[in-house]
Amino acid sequence: MQYKWTIGEMAKLFDVSTDALRYYEKAGLLSSDRHQENGYRYYSYDDLFVLMDILLFRNLGVAVKDIQPMVTTMDLGDMKQVLLRNDRLVEEKIQALVNQRAMLAKIITQYERCEQQLGKFSIVPAPAFRSKFLGEQVEDMIELIRQYKPDQSWMQSVRYTLLLPPDKFLTKRSFDSAQIGISFDEQTLSKFDCSEQEQFSALPAKDCLYTVLGTDYSGQENAILAKALAWVKAQGRQVTGPLLGSYLASCHKDGLDYYEIWIVLHAT
């Protein structure tokens, strides 16, 4: 039975590179004997089992710096604590991936909504989320972001919104004077103190025209908004309240931000 393996034989046996074995030696995880005549590295039977543990711990995500004492000085209890700590890190990574996937699902849904509802009109109930608006300038949005910069748990419920009173969008049919704001659902708002919650308001509980459109915020007439208002008139309905827009996506190719919008209508 062979009790000595060259670095090439060890690398082939475990399907790792010779550079990896040299790195483990340099980091103090693995040792080898040097042949006095040819200078070759030779690994013993014990070295083979140490390498098996090194590769096992690396596959478990344990850092090289933590493996070094595990294969040299630690007893079983200490080794278990390292593995328990690494298990907690893995759990944190799993939760981060779960949150990331939830965000991906939300954003994908928003893109799909753009594709499916762009320029299509319907009458729906007013949305349930509540909004707060500051003004019409970019600086106003930056102030909102500073004030309500969402943590990871809020990222799935935050909405960037805009608001236009009837006298603005009925005459110009554009978005150059839209107020900039931010909105949250009721569950997220419940985390704020009462005085802060009172600063957020919802649309009145009435029927709304609903559609999706894109805007560059210029003073030019928005074609979809103009068609939406004509559609409302054709339905025998009248506009009574503001236009509320909730951000969905941006397309840098065409320079547009896309919003789903609600326009409050007179009761029938």
Protein backbone atom coordinates (compact mmCIF):
# COMPACT_ATOMS: atom_id res chain seq x y z
CA MET A 1 0.00 0.00 0.00
CA GLN A 2 1.27 3.48 -0.88
CA TYR A 3 1.72 5.75 2.11
CA LYS A 4 3.22 8.76 0.34
CA TRP A 5 1.60 10.90 -2.35
CA THR A 6 3.13 13.64 -4.47
CA ILE A 7 1.41 17.00 -4.72
CA GLY A 8 0.20 16.08 -8.21
CA GLU A 9 -1.24 12.79 -7.01
CA MET A 10 -3.01 14.49 -4.08
CA ALA A 11 -4.42 17.16 -6.35
CA LYS A 12 -5.73 14.55 -8.79
CA LEU A 13 -7.13 12.38 -6.00
CA PHE A 14 -9.25 15.24 -4.56
CA ASP A 15 -9.83 17.13 -7.79
CA VAL A 16 -8.17 20.31 -6.56
CA SER A 17 -5.33 22.35 -8.02
CA THR A 18 -1.74 22.06 -6.89
CA ASP A 19 -1.87 25.82 -6.25
CA ALA A 20 -4.66 25.21 -3.73
CA LEU A 21 -2.52 22.67 -1.88
CA ARG A 22 0.43 25.08 -1.83
CA TYR A 23 -1.92 27.79 -0.51
CA TYR A 24 -3.16 25.52 2.30
CA GLU A 25 0.42 24.78 3.25
CA LYS A 26 1.36 28.47 3.25
CA ALA A 27 -1.69 29.21 5.45
CA GLY A 28 -0.56 26.57 7.96
CA LEU A 29 -3.43 24.16 7.32
CA LEU A 30 -1.50 21.37 5.66
CA SER A 31 2.04 20.03 5.83
CA SER A 32 4.23 17.93 3.58
CA ASP A 33 7.66 16.36 3.62
CA ARG A 34 10.26 17.58 1.13
CA HIS A 35 12.47 14.96 -0.50
CA GLN A 36 16.06 15.99 0.12
CA GLU A 37 17.29 14.92 -3.33
CA ASN A 38 14.52 16.02 -5.72
CA GLY A 39 12.73 18.64 -3.59
CA TYR A 40 9.32 17.12 -4.26
CA ARG A 41 6.48 17.47 -1.76
CA TYR A 42 5.20 14.20 -0.34
CA TYR A 43 2.06 13.79 1.74
CA SER A 44 1.47 11.10 4.32
CA TYR A 45 -1.63 9.09 5.18
CA ASP A 46 -2.33 11.54 8.04
CA ASP A 47 -1.94 14.50 5.68
CA LEU A 48 -4.53 12.93 3.39
CA PHE A 49 -7.12 12.90 6.18
CA VAL A 50 -6.26 16.45 7.21
CA LEU A 51 -6.86 17.54 3.62
CA MET A 52 -10.21 15.77 3.65
CA ASP A 53 -11.23 17.84 6.68
CA ILE A 54 -9.93 21.04 5.10
CA LEU A 55 -11.98 20.45 1.96
CA LEU A 56 -15.03 19.49 4.04
CA PHE A 57 -14.84 22.69 6.08
CA ARG A 58 -14.27 24.79 2.96
CA ASN A 59 -17.37 23.20 1.36
CA LEU A 60 -19.27 24.19 4.50
CA GLY A 61 -18.18 27.78 3.95
CA VAL A 62 -15.74 27.99 6.85
CA ALA A 63 -13.04 30.63 6.26
CA VAL A 64 -9.45 29.48 5.82
CA LYS A 65 -8.38 31.51 8.87
CA ASP A 66 -10.88 29.55 11.00
CA ILE A 67 -9.87 26.17 9.56
CA GLN A 68 -6.22 26.57 10.55
CA PRO A 69 -6.82 26.17 14.31
CA MET A 70 -9.52 23.57 13.65
CA VAL A 71 -6.98 21.19 12.10
CA THR A 72 -4.15 22.06 14.45
CA THR A 73 -5.05 23.08 18.03
CA MET A 74 -8.82 22.97 18.62
CA ASP A 75 -10.66 20.26 20.52
CA LEU A 76 -14.09 18.97 19.44
CA GLY A 77 -16.00 21.52 21.51
CA ASP A 78 -14.15 24.45 19.99
CA MET A 79 -14.58 23.04 16.50
CA LYS A 80 -18.31 22.66 17.10
CA GLN A 81 -18.55 26.35 18.12
CA VAL A 82 -16.88 27.39 14.87
CA LEU A 83 -19.38 25.31 12.91
CA LEU A 84 -22.31 26.73 14.91
CA ARG A 85 -21.12 30.27 14.20
CA ASN A 86 -20.85 29.43 10.53
CA ASP A 87 -24.35 27.94 10.60
CA ARG A 88 -25.69 31.27 11.85
CA LEU A 89 -23.89 33.07 9.03
CA VAL A 90 -25.43 30.68 6.50
CA GLU A 91 -28.88 31.34 7.97
CA GLU A 92 -28.32 35.09 7.59
CA LYS A 93 -27.28 34.59 3.97
CA ILE A 94 -30.37 32.47 3.32
CA GLN A 95 -32.61 35.19 4.76
CA ALA A 96 -30.83 37.81 2.66
CA LEU A 97 -31.45 35.71 -0.46
CA VAL A 98 -35.11 35.25 0.51
CA ASN A 99 -35.45 39.02 0.81
CA GLN A 100 -33.63 39.54 -2.46
CA ARG A 101 -35.92 37.11 -4.25
CA ALA A 102 -38.98 38.83 -2.81
CA MET A 103 -37.68 42.13 -4.14
CA LEU A 104 -37.04 40.55 -7.53
CA ALA A 105 -40.59 39.20 -7.61
CA LYS A 106 -41.97 42.64 -6.79
CA ILE A 107 -39.91 44.42 -9.47
CA ILE A 108 -40.67 41.76 -12.10
CA THR A 109 -44.38 42.18 -11.32
CA GLN A 110 -44.05 45.94 -11.81
CA TYR A 111 -42.41 45.46 -15.22
CA GLU A 112 -45.12 43.00 -16.20
CA ARG A 113 -47.76 45.52 -15.10
CA CYS A 114 -46.15 48.10 -17.39
CA GLU A 115 -46.32 45.70 -20.32
CA GLN A 116 -49.88 44.56 -19.64
CA GLN A 117 -51.58 47.82 -18.60
CA LEU A 118 -49.75 50.50 -20.60
CA GLY A 119 -52.39 52.68 -22.24
CA LYS A 120 -55.26 50.42 -21.16
CA PHE A 121 -58.12 51.94 -19.16
CA SER A 122 -60.41 50.59 -16.46
CA ILE A 123 -62.43 51.80 -13.48
CA VAL A 124 -61.23 50.44 -10.15
CA PRO A 125 -61.51 51.25 -6.42
CA ALA A 126 -59.06 53.77 -4.98
CA PRO A 127 -55.76 52.23 -3.79
CA ALA A 128 -55.37 51.61 -0.08
CA PHE A 129 -51.85 52.96 0.46
CA ARG A 130 -51.29 56.42 1.96
CA SER A 131 -48.97 59.14 0.67
CA LYS A 132 -47.07 62.20 1.80
CA PHE A 133 -45.95 64.96 -0.59
CA LEU A 134 -43.40 67.72 -0.21
CA GLY A 135 -43.08 69.67 -3.46
CA GLU A 136 -42.20 69.73 -7.14
CA GLN A 137 -38.38 69.84 -7.14
CA VAL A 138 -35.74 67.11 -7.27
CA GLU A 139 -34.47 68.37 -3.91
CA ASP A 140 -37.86 67.49 -2.42
CA MET A 141 -37.46 63.85 -3.43
CA ILE A 142 -33.93 63.74 -2.06
CA GLU A 143 -35.23 65.06 1.26
CA LEU A 144 -37.91 62.34 1.28
CA ILE A 145 -35.32 59.65 0.60
CA ARG A 146 -33.15 60.95 3.45
CA GLN A 147 -36.10 61.03 5.81
CA TYR A 148 -37.64 57.69 4.90
CA LYS A 149 -34.67 55.76 3.56
CA PRO A 150 -36.08 52.24 3.83
CA ASP A 151 -34.34 49.37 5.53
CA GLN A 152 -34.45 45.89 4.03
CA SER A 153 -37.84 45.12 5.56
CA TRP A 154 -39.40 48.29 4.11
CA MET A 155 -37.98 47.94 0.60
CA GLN A 156 -40.87 45.72 -0.44
CA SER A 157 -43.57 48.22 0.57
CA VAL A 158 -42.16 51.68 -0.22
CA ARG A 159 -43.76 53.54 -3.16
CA TYR A 160 -42.45 56.66 -4.86
CA THR A 161 -45.48 58.67 -5.92
CA LEU A 162 -46.61 61.84 -7.65
CA LEU A 163 -49.73 63.94 -7.30
CA LEU A 164 -51.53 66.33 -9.65
CA PRO A 165 -54.68 68.30 -8.73
CA PRO A 166 -57.46 68.39 -11.38
CA ASP A 167 -56.75 71.99 -12.43
CA LYS A 168 -53.22 70.91 -13.41
CA PHE A 169 -53.75 67.73 -15.42
CA LEU A 170 -57.15 68.60 -16.93
CA THR A 171 -55.82 71.71 -18.64
CA LYS A 172 -52.24 70.80 -19.55
CA ARG A 173 -52.39 66.97 -19.54
CA SER A 174 -48.73 66.92 -18.53
CA PHE A 175 -46.60 66.09 -15.48
CA ASP A 176 -44.23 69.07 -15.27
CA SER A 177 -45.91 70.41 -12.12
CA ALA A 178 -46.43 67.11 -10.30
CA GLN A 179 -45.80 67.03 -6.56
CA ILE A 180 -43.25 64.43 -5.49
CA GLY A 181 -43.99 62.11 -2.60
CA ILE A 182 -43.59 58.76 -0.94
CA SER A 183 -46.18 56.19 0.11
CA PHE A 184 -46.41 53.15 2.35
CA ASP A 185 -48.97 50.48 2.96
CA GLU A 186 -50.85 50.40 6.26
CA GLN A 187 -48.69 47.66 7.74
CA THR A 188 -45.52 49.68 7.22
CA LEU A 189 -47.13 52.91 8.39
CA SER A 190 -48.13 51.20 11.63
CA LYS A 191 -44.41 51.18 12.56
CA PHE A 192 -44.36 55.00 12.56
CA ASP A 193 -45.45 57.08 15.54
CA CYS A 194 -48.99 58.50 15.45
CA SER A 195 -47.94 62.06 14.61
CA GLU A 196 -46.01 60.81 11.60
CA GLN A 197 -48.85 58.60 10.41
CA GLU A 198 -51.17 61.61 10.42
CA GLN A 199 -49.01 63.25 7.75
CA PHE A 200 -49.95 60.52 5.25
CA SER A 201 -53.31 60.49 3.49
CA ALA A 202 -55.15 58.19 1.09
CA LEU A 203 -57.34 58.94 -1.92
CA PRO A 204 -61.07 59.17 -1.11
CA ALA A 205 -62.90 55.85 -1.29
CA LYS A 206 -64.35 56.44 -4.75
CA ASP A 207 -64.11 54.92 -8.21
CA CYS A 208 -60.92 55.78 -10.08
CA LEU A 209 -59.74 55.63 -13.64
CA TYR A 210 -56.73 53.30 -13.71
CA THR A 211 -54.00 53.00 -16.34
CA VAL A 212 -50.22 52.86 -16.79
CA LEU A 213 -48.30 55.55 -18.64
CA GLY A 214 -44.78 56.84 -19.12
CA THR A 215 -43.62 60.42 -18.57
CA ASP A 216 -40.50 62.53 -18.96
CA TYR A 217 -42.03 65.21 -16.66
CA SER A 218 -41.99 67.78 -19.44
CA GLY A 219 -44.73 70.32 -20.14
CA GLN A 220 -45.74 68.52 -23.32
CA GLU A 221 -49.13 66.83 -23.43
CA ASN A 222 -48.97 63.21 -22.35
CA ALA A 223 -50.67 61.17 -25.06
CA ILE A 224 -51.92 58.39 -22.77
CA LEU A 225 -53.23 60.86 -20.19
CA ALA A 226 -55.12 62.72 -22.92
CA LYS A 227 -56.63 59.43 -24.17
CA ALA A 228 -57.51 58.44 -20.58
CA LEU A 229 -59.47 61.64 -20.02
CA ALA A 230 -61.28 61.17 -23.34
CA TRP A 231 -62.09 57.57 -22.32
CA VAL A 232 -63.56 58.77 -19.01
CA LYS A 233 -65.80 61.20 -20.86
CA ALA A 234 -66.93 58.46 -23.25
CA GLN A 235 -67.93 56.36 -20.22
CA GLY A 236 -70.20 59.18 -19.06
CA ARG A 237 -68.05 59.81 -15.98
CA GLN A 238 -66.48 63.00 -14.65
CA VAL A 239 -63.22 63.69 -12.88
CA THR A 240 -63.55 65.03 -9.34
CA GLY A 241 -60.30 64.44 -7.58
CA PRO A 242 -56.56 64.36 -8.04
CA LEU A 243 -54.32 62.13 -10.12
CA LEU A 244 -52.13 59.86 -8.03
CA GLY A 245 -49.23 58.04 -9.64
CA SER A 246 -47.18 55.17 -8.19
CA TYR A 247 -43.77 54.49 -9.72
CA LEU A 248 -43.28 51.17 -11.51
CA ALA A 249 -40.13 51.26 -13.65
CA SER A 250 -37.77 53.38 -15.72
CA CYS A 251 -36.56 52.87 -19.27
CA HIS A 252 -33.37 54.80 -19.89
CA LYS A 253 -33.52 54.04 -23.59
CA ASP A 254 -36.67 56.15 -24.07
CA GLY A 255 -36.04 58.48 -21.09
CA LEU A 256 -39.37 57.68 -19.44
CA ASP A 257 -40.48 56.79 -15.93
CA TYR A 258 -43.54 54.55 -15.86
CA TYR A 259 -46.35 54.95 -13.33
CA GLU A 260 -49.63 53.32 -12.60
CA ILE A 261 -52.11 56.14 -12.08
CA TRP A 262 -55.48 56.59 -10.42
CA ILE A 263 -57.78 59.54 -11.19
CA VAL A 264 -60.69 60.00 -8.77
CA LEU A 265 -64.11 60.11 -10.45
CA HIS A 266 -67.49 61.52 -9.47
CA ALA A 267 -69.82 58.97 -7.95
CA THR A 268 -72.35 57.62 -10.43
